[in-house]
C-alpha atoms as a PDB file:
ATOM      1  CA  MET A   1       0.000   0.000   0.000  1.00  0.00           C
ATOM      2  CA  THR A   2       1.365   3.416  -0.897  1.00  0.00           C
ATOM      3  CA  THR A   3       0.981   6.403   1.313  1.00  0.00           C
ATOM      4  CA  PRO A   4      -0.408   9.570  -0.232  1.00  0.00           C
ATOM      5  CA  LYS A   5       2.121  12.283  -0.935  1.00  0.00           C
ATOM      6  CA  HIS A   6       1.337  15.798   0.187  1.00  0.00           C
ATOM      7  CA  THR A   7       2.938  18.881  -1.192  1.00  0.00           C
ATOM      8  CA  LEU A   8       3.213  21.890   1.054  1.00  0.00           C
ATOM      9  CA  SER A   9       3.401  25.355  -0.348  1.00  0.00           C
ATOM     10  CA  GLY A  10       3.919  28.658   1.325  1.00  0.00           C
ATOM     11  CA  LEU A  11       5.507  32.040   1.259  1.00  0.00           C
ATOM     12  CA  ILE A  12       8.538  32.906   3.329  1.00  0.00           C
ATOM     13  CA  LEU A  13       9.194  36.597   3.692  1.00  0.00           C
ATOM     14  CA  ASP A  14      12.027  38.448   5.287  1.00  0.00           C
ATOM     15  CA  GLU A  15      10.655  41.031   7.695  1.00  0.00           C
ATOM     16  CA  ASP A  16      12.891  43.621   6.080  1.00  0.00           C
ATOM     17  CA  CYS A  17      11.825  42.990   2.487  1.00  0.00           C
ATOM     18  CA  SER A  18      10.541  46.008   0.652  1.00  0.00           C
ATOM     19  CA  PHE A  19       8.057  46.449  -2.184  1.00  0.00           C
ATOM     20  CA  THR A  20       7.220  49.506  -4.223  1.00  0.00           C
ATOM     21  CA  LEU A  21       3.580  50.216  -5.006  1.00  0.00           C
ATOM     22  CA  ALA A  22       4.003  48.663  -8.450  1.00  0.00           C
ATOM     23  CA  GLU A  23       5.810  45.597  -7.073  1.00  0.00           C
ATOM     24  CA  LEU A  24       3.156  45.032  -4.417  1.00  0.00           C
ATOM     25  CA  SER A  25       0.351  45.268  -6.952  1.00  0.00           C
ATOM     26  CA  THR A  26       2.179  42.836  -9.244  1.00  0.00           C
ATOM     27  CA  ALA A  27       2.829  40.402  -6.375  1.00  0.00           C
ATOM     28  CA  CYS A  28      -0.878  40.473  -5.526  1.00  0.00           C
ATOM     29  CA  SER A  29      -2.025  40.364  -9.172  1.00  0.00           C
ATOM     30  CA  VAL A  30      -4.093  43.516  -8.717  1.00  0.00           C
ATOM     31  CA  ARG A  31      -4.019  47.027 -10.102  1.00  0.00           C
ATOM     32  CA  THR A  32      -2.182  49.761  -8.221  1.00  0.00           C
ATOM     33  CA  GLU A  33      -5.515  51.483  -7.611  1.00  0.00           C
ATOM     34  CA  TYR A  34      -6.567  48.499  -5.502  1.00  0.00           C
ATOM     35  CA  ILE A  35      -3.464  48.838  -3.305  1.00  0.00           C
ATOM     36  CA  ILE A  36      -4.209  52.552  -2.922  1.00  0.00           C
ATOM     37  CA  GLU A  37      -7.714  51.616  -1.744  1.00  0.00           C
ATOM     38  CA  LEU A  38      -6.151  49.212   0.786  1.00  0.00           C
ATOM     39  CA  VAL A  39      -3.982  52.052   2.093  1.00  0.00           C
ATOM     40  CA  GLU A  40      -6.993  54.358   2.344  1.00  0.00           C
ATOM     41  CA  GLU A  41      -8.882  51.667   4.283  1.00  0.00           C
ATOM     42  CA  GLY A  42      -5.931  51.069   6.626  1.00  0.00           C
ATOM     43  CA  ILE A  43      -5.404  47.472   5.546  1.00  0.00           C
ATOM     44  CA  VAL A  44      -1.825  48.123   4.471  1.00  0.00           C
ATOM     45  CA  GLU A  45       0.445  51.028   5.286  1.00  0.00           C
ATOM     46  CA  PRO A  46       3.418  52.398   3.421  1.00  0.00           C
ATOM     47  CA  ARG A  47       6.592  52.244   5.504  1.00  0.00           C
ATOM     48  CA  GLU A  48       6.862  55.996   5.531  1.00  0.00           C
ATOM     49  CA  GLN A  49       3.930  58.277   4.960  1.00  0.00           C
ATOM     50  CA  GLN A  50       5.056  59.883   1.735  1.00  0.00           C
ATOM     51  CA  ARG A  51       2.513  62.082   0.042  1.00  0.00           C
ATOM     52  CA  GLU A  52       3.564  60.959  -3.400  1.00  0.00           C
ATOM     53  CA  GLN A  53       2.536  57.392  -4.076  1.00  0.00           C
ATOM     54  CA  GLN A  54       5.499  56.806  -6.373  1.00  0.00           C
ATOM     55  CA  TYR A  55       7.747  56.799  -3.280  1.00  0.00           C
ATOM     56  CA  TRP A  56       5.653  54.405  -1.187  1.00  0.00           C
ATOM     57  CA  THR A  57       7.333  51.212  -0.022  1.00  0.00           C
ATOM     58  CA  PHE A  58       5.688  48.313   1.779  1.00  0.00           C
ATOM     59  CA  ASN A  59       6.953  45.458   3.938  1.00  0.00           C
ATOM     60  CA  GLY A  60       6.213  41.731   3.790  1.00  0.00           C
ATOM     61  CA  ARG A  61       3.316  42.072   6.225  1.00  0.00           C
ATOM     62  CA  SER A  62       1.605  44.367   3.722  1.00  0.00           C
ATOM     63  CA  LEU A  63       1.934  41.714   1.041  1.00  0.00           C
ATOM     64  CA  LEU A  64       0.299  39.093   3.246  1.00  0.00           C
ATOM     65  CA  ARG A  65      -2.510  41.442   4.334  1.00  0.00           C
ATOM     66  CA  ALA A  66      -3.190  42.580   0.763  1.00  0.00           C
ATOM     67  CA  ARG A  67      -3.441  39.004  -0.465  1.00  0.00           C
ATOM     68  CA  LYS A  68      -5.728  38.014   2.406  1.00  0.00           C
ATOM     69  CA  ALA A  69      -7.934  41.054   1.820  1.00  0.00           C
ATOM     70  CA  ARG A  70      -8.270  40.128  -1.843  1.00  0.00           C
ATOM     71  CA  ARG A  71      -9.213  36.546  -0.952  1.00  0.00           C
ATOM     72  CA  LEU A  72     -11.797  37.750   1.574  1.00  0.00           C
ATOM     73  CA  GLN A  73     -13.362  39.939  -1.070  1.00  0.00           C
ATOM     74  CA  ARG A  74     -13.229  37.345  -3.826  1.00  0.00           C
ATOM     75  CA  ASP A  75     -14.246  34.263  -1.840  1.00  0.00           C
ATOM     76  CA  LEU A  76     -16.637  35.724   0.722  1.00  0.00           C
ATOM     77  CA  GLY A  77     -17.839  38.939  -0.908  1.00  0.00           C
ATOM     78  CA  ILE A  78     -16.609  41.069   1.988  1.00  0.00           C
ATOM     79  CA  ASN A  79     -16.086  44.776   1.302  1.00  0.00           C
ATOM     80  CA  LEU A  80     -12.788  46.488   2.191  1.00  0.00           C
ATOM     81  CA  ALA A  81     -14.041  47.847   5.515  1.00  0.00           C
ATOM     82  CA  GLY A  82     -15.123  44.347   6.496  1.00  0.00           C
ATOM     83  CA  ALA A  83     -11.842  42.878   5.279  1.00  0.00           C
ATOM     84  CA  ALA A  84      -9.925  45.369   7.429  1.00  0.00           C
ATOM     85  CA  LEU A  85     -11.931  44.320  10.479  1.00  0.00           C
ATOM     86  CA  VAL A  86     -11.520  40.601   9.764  1.00  0.00           C
ATOM     87  CA  LEU A  87      -7.757  40.941   9.247  1.00  0.00           C
ATOM     88  CA  ASP A  88      -7.336  42.883  12.483  1.00  0.00           C
ATOM     89  CA  MET A  89      -9.383  40.297  14.377  1.00  0.00           C
ATOM     90  CA  MET A  90      -7.385  37.424  12.844  1.00  0.00           C
ATOM     91  CA  GLU A  91      -4.131  39.055  13.949  1.00  0.00           C
ATOM     92  CA  GLU A  92      -5.479  39.654  17.445  1.00  0.00           C
ATOM     93  CA  ILE A  93      -6.571  36.014  17.725  1.00  0.00           C
ATOM     94  CA  GLU A  94      -3.100  34.897  16.632  1.00  0.00           C
ATOM     95  CA  GLN A  95      -1.471  37.140  19.251  1.00  0.00           C
ATOM     96  CA  LEU A  96      -3.786  35.774  21.951  1.00  0.00           C
ATOM     97  CA  ARG A  97      -2.969  32.200  20.923  1.00  0.00           C
ATOM     98  CA  GLN A  98       0.729  32.956  21.164  1.00  0.00           C
ATOM     99  CA  ARG A  99       0.221  34.406  24.655  1.00  0.00           C
ATOM    100  CA  LEU A 100      -1.716  31.319  25.713  1.00  0.00           C
ATOM    101  CA  ASP A 101       1.051  29.067  24.381  1.00  0.00           C
ATOM    102  CA  ARG A 102       3.632  30.972  26.416  1.00  0.00           C
ATOM    103  CA  LEU A 103       1.506  30.688  29.569  1.00  0.00           C
ATOM    104  CA  GLY A 104       0.602  27.053  29.150  1.00  0.00           C
END
């Protein structure tokens, strides 16, 4: 009898990685206008609050949040305000789980 083979996939990001607005939109397969909407909604934040969008840079966390926001919209029909709330709650749950692990 053969055992089933499973393939794992994932994304490993260096905390210090940096993406321009164009690179982030390409990595997420969305238009730059969508990333700008994510910034306006507070889902992602440029590293430094530059007025001119051409100078915005984003970290790896922004990439993960942008991709999750897109999936929430696509798969569940959640609007950006709802996606922002869901993402914040997911992060808070993860932090609480980590605290519980340290205590237990």
